[in-house]
């Protein structure tokens, strides 16, 4: 089971990422948040313009999760002071539960070690029980809750979770 993590750089790659994000969000989040909030969040955070701005102006890095030349998911990260913010971690439905999340987590932990980052952190919707359980299994611990106003009358009601990275 080979999985590679090509960096998203070109306009075409960004467009492919935005489409992948939209596909995953509309499939997955309909049972957690409203379609209206998905529309808003995909436009605000996962559109071609949003991703381009995040890469060029906000310090984000995006990576496809690619298997046999097919993009099956993606990661979005931002390096901060001594930490890695895991902003995006999404996998297409037909590839979930097959070990790809574990391979992606190994990739992220290796990235932290190479960059000497002691902590990886993320936000996850408080009602996303399945994903929270996966993060806990991967060594993340909930450190606090956060309700963030994202505009248009919507909020993100999240747990903030952290994973300590051990160096040898």
Protein backbone atom coordinates (compact mmCIF):
# COMPACT_ATOMS: atom_id res chain seq x y z
CA UNK A 1 0.00 0.00 0.00
CA UNK A 2 2.04 2.90 -1.26
CA UNK A 3 0.98 6.44 -0.51
CA UNK A 4 2.91 9.52 -1.59
CA UNK A 5 2.43 13.13 -0.56
CA UNK A 6 3.15 15.50 -3.45
CA UNK A 7 3.23 19.17 -2.57
CA UNK A 8 0.43 21.27 -4.10
CA UNK A 9 2.06 24.12 -6.00
CA UNK A 10 0.67 24.85 -9.46
CA UNK A 11 -2.62 26.53 -10.37
CA UNK A 12 -3.84 23.24 -11.82
CA UNK A 13 -2.95 21.37 -8.62
CA UNK A 14 -4.77 24.00 -6.54
CA UNK A 15 -7.85 23.63 -8.78
CA UNK A 16 -7.72 19.83 -8.37
CA UNK A 17 -7.38 20.24 -4.60
CA UNK A 18 -10.35 22.61 -4.40
CA UNK A 19 -12.51 20.09 -6.31
CA UNK A 20 -11.35 17.23 -4.07
CA UNK A 21 -12.11 19.33 -0.99
CA UNK A 22 -15.59 20.13 -2.25
CA UNK A 23 -16.31 16.47 -3.02
CA UNK A 24 -15.22 15.34 0.44
CA UNK A 25 -16.93 18.15 2.35
CA UNK A 26 -20.33 17.65 0.71
CA UNK A 27 -20.12 13.89 1.23
CA UNK A 28 -18.90 13.93 4.83
CA UNK A 29 -20.13 16.97 6.69
CA UNK A 30 -23.85 16.88 5.78
CA UNK A 31 -24.57 14.89 8.94
CA UNK A 32 -22.67 17.35 11.16
CA UNK A 33 -23.33 20.87 9.82
CA UNK A 34 -25.91 22.41 7.48
CA UNK A 35 -25.52 22.49 3.70
CA UNK A 36 -25.54 26.30 3.98
CA UNK A 37 -22.57 26.21 6.34
CA UNK A 38 -20.76 23.73 4.07
CA UNK A 39 -21.35 26.08 1.11
CA UNK A 40 -19.95 28.97 3.11
CA UNK A 41 -16.94 27.11 4.52
CA UNK A 42 -15.95 25.51 1.21
CA UNK A 43 -16.07 28.94 -0.42
CA UNK A 44 -14.22 30.69 2.39
CA UNK A 45 -11.55 28.08 3.21
CA UNK A 46 -11.39 25.47 0.41
CA UNK A 47 -11.93 27.38 -2.84
CA UNK A 48 -9.24 28.01 -5.46
CA UNK A 49 -8.88 31.63 -4.28
CA UNK A 50 -8.78 30.68 -0.58
CA UNK A 51 -6.20 27.91 -1.05
CA UNK A 52 -4.05 30.11 -3.31
CA UNK A 53 -4.08 32.88 -0.70
CA UNK A 54 -3.28 30.43 2.11
CA UNK A 55 -0.26 29.07 0.19
CA UNK A 56 1.12 32.40 -1.05
CA UNK A 57 0.26 34.77 1.82
CA UNK A 58 -0.47 32.79 5.00
CA UNK A 59 2.30 30.20 5.18
CA UNK A 60 0.18 27.11 4.53
CA UNK A 61 1.46 24.03 2.74
CA UNK A 62 -0.86 21.56 1.05
CA UNK A 63 -0.13 17.95 0.13
CA UNK A 64 -2.16 15.45 -1.82
CA UNK A 65 -2.46 11.93 -0.49
CA UNK A 66 -1.81 10.09 -3.73
CA UNK A 67 -2.13 6.36 -4.39
CA UNK A 68 -1.26 4.91 -7.80
CA UNK A 69 -1.43 8.41 -9.30
CA UNK A 70 -4.90 9.10 -7.88
CA UNK A 71 -5.47 11.79 -5.26
CA UNK A 72 -7.42 10.11 -2.47
CA UNK A 73 -7.19 12.89 0.10
CA UNK A 74 -5.21 15.90 1.20
CA UNK A 75 -3.40 17.57 4.07
CA UNK A 76 -2.99 21.25 4.88
CA UNK A 77 -0.43 22.37 7.46
CA UNK A 78 1.09 25.56 8.77
CA UNK A 79 4.34 25.68 10.70
CA UNK A 80 4.21 27.93 13.75
CA UNK A 81 6.60 28.59 16.62
CA UNK A 82 7.73 25.09 17.59
CA UNK A 83 4.42 23.56 16.44
CA UNK A 84 2.70 22.25 13.35
CA UNK A 85 -0.93 23.26 12.85
CA UNK A 86 -2.78 20.47 11.05
CA UNK A 87 -5.44 22.56 9.36
CA UNK A 88 -6.80 20.01 6.88
CA UNK A 89 -6.81 16.21 6.90
CA UNK A 90 -9.41 14.69 4.60
CA UNK A 91 -9.76 11.37 2.78
CA UNK A 92 -12.33 10.30 0.17
CA UNK A 93 -14.98 7.98 1.56
CA UNK A 94 -13.95 4.86 -0.37
CA UNK A 95 -10.40 5.07 1.04
CA UNK A 96 -11.29 5.58 4.72
CA UNK A 97 -10.63 2.75 7.14
CA UNK A 98 -7.87 1.26 4.97
CA UNK A 99 -4.80 2.53 6.85
CA UNK A 100 -4.18 5.67 4.79
CA UNK A 101 -4.78 7.99 7.75
CA UNK A 102 -2.06 6.12 9.64
CA UNK A 103 0.38 6.56 6.74
CA UNK A 104 -0.50 10.25 6.54
CA UNK A 105 0.04 10.64 10.29
CA UNK A 106 3.49 9.02 9.93
CA UNK A 107 4.27 11.54 7.17
CA UNK A 108 3.20 14.41 9.46
CA UNK A 109 5.14 13.12 12.47
CA UNK A 110 8.25 12.73 10.29
CA UNK A 111 7.74 16.31 9.06
CA UNK A 112 7.60 17.52 12.67
CA UNK A 113 10.75 15.60 13.59
CA UNK A 114 12.71 16.91 10.58
CA UNK A 115 11.64 20.47 11.43
CA UNK A 116 12.25 19.95 15.19
CA UNK A 117 8.62 20.79 16.02
CA UNK A 118 7.56 19.46 19.43
CA UNK A 119 3.78 19.56 18.98
CA UNK A 120 1.16 18.99 16.32
CA UNK A 121 -2.23 20.58 16.94
CA UNK A 122 -5.60 20.75 15.22
CA UNK A 123 -9.21 21.79 15.58
CA UNK A 124 -12.04 19.27 15.13
CA UNK A 125 -15.79 19.77 15.24
CA UNK A 126 -17.04 18.74 18.68
CA UNK A 127 -19.78 16.57 17.11
CA UNK A 128 -17.43 14.73 14.75
CA UNK A 129 -17.18 11.69 17.04
CA UNK A 130 -15.63 9.28 14.53
CA UNK A 131 -12.78 11.65 13.68
CA UNK A 132 -12.18 12.56 17.33
CA UNK A 133 -11.82 8.85 18.13
CA UNK A 134 -9.25 8.45 15.34
CA UNK A 135 -7.22 11.43 16.57
CA UNK A 136 -7.30 10.07 20.13
CA UNK A 137 -6.09 6.68 18.83
CA UNK A 138 -3.22 8.54 17.11
CA UNK A 139 -2.14 10.14 20.40
CA UNK A 140 -3.95 13.48 20.32
CA UNK A 141 -5.45 14.85 23.52
CA UNK A 142 -8.18 17.47 23.84
CA UNK A 143 -6.71 20.56 25.48
CA UNK A 144 -9.65 22.98 25.24
CA UNK A 145 -12.80 23.93 23.39
CA UNK A 146 -13.21 26.85 21.04
CA UNK A 147 -16.19 28.53 19.42
CA UNK A 148 -14.99 30.70 16.53
CA UNK A 149 -17.20 33.11 14.60
CA UNK A 150 -16.38 32.52 10.93
CA UNK A 151 -18.83 35.07 9.57
CA UNK A 152 -22.21 34.93 7.85
CA UNK A 153 -23.84 33.84 11.11
CA UNK A 154 -21.80 30.62 11.31
CA UNK A 155 -19.46 29.38 14.03
CA UNK A 156 -16.98 26.55 14.29
CA UNK A 157 -17.66 24.69 17.54
CA UNK A 158 -14.43 22.77 17.99
CA UNK A 159 -12.12 20.89 20.27
CA UNK A 160 -8.48 21.87 20.08
CA UNK A 161 -6.35 18.74 20.23
CA UNK A 162 -2.59 18.35 20.55
CA UNK A 163 -0.09 15.58 20.04
CA UNK A 164 3.38 15.74 21.52
CA UNK A 165 6.17 14.75 19.14
CA UNK A 166 8.97 12.73 20.70
CA UNK A 167 12.51 13.11 19.44
CA UNK A 168 15.11 10.39 19.88
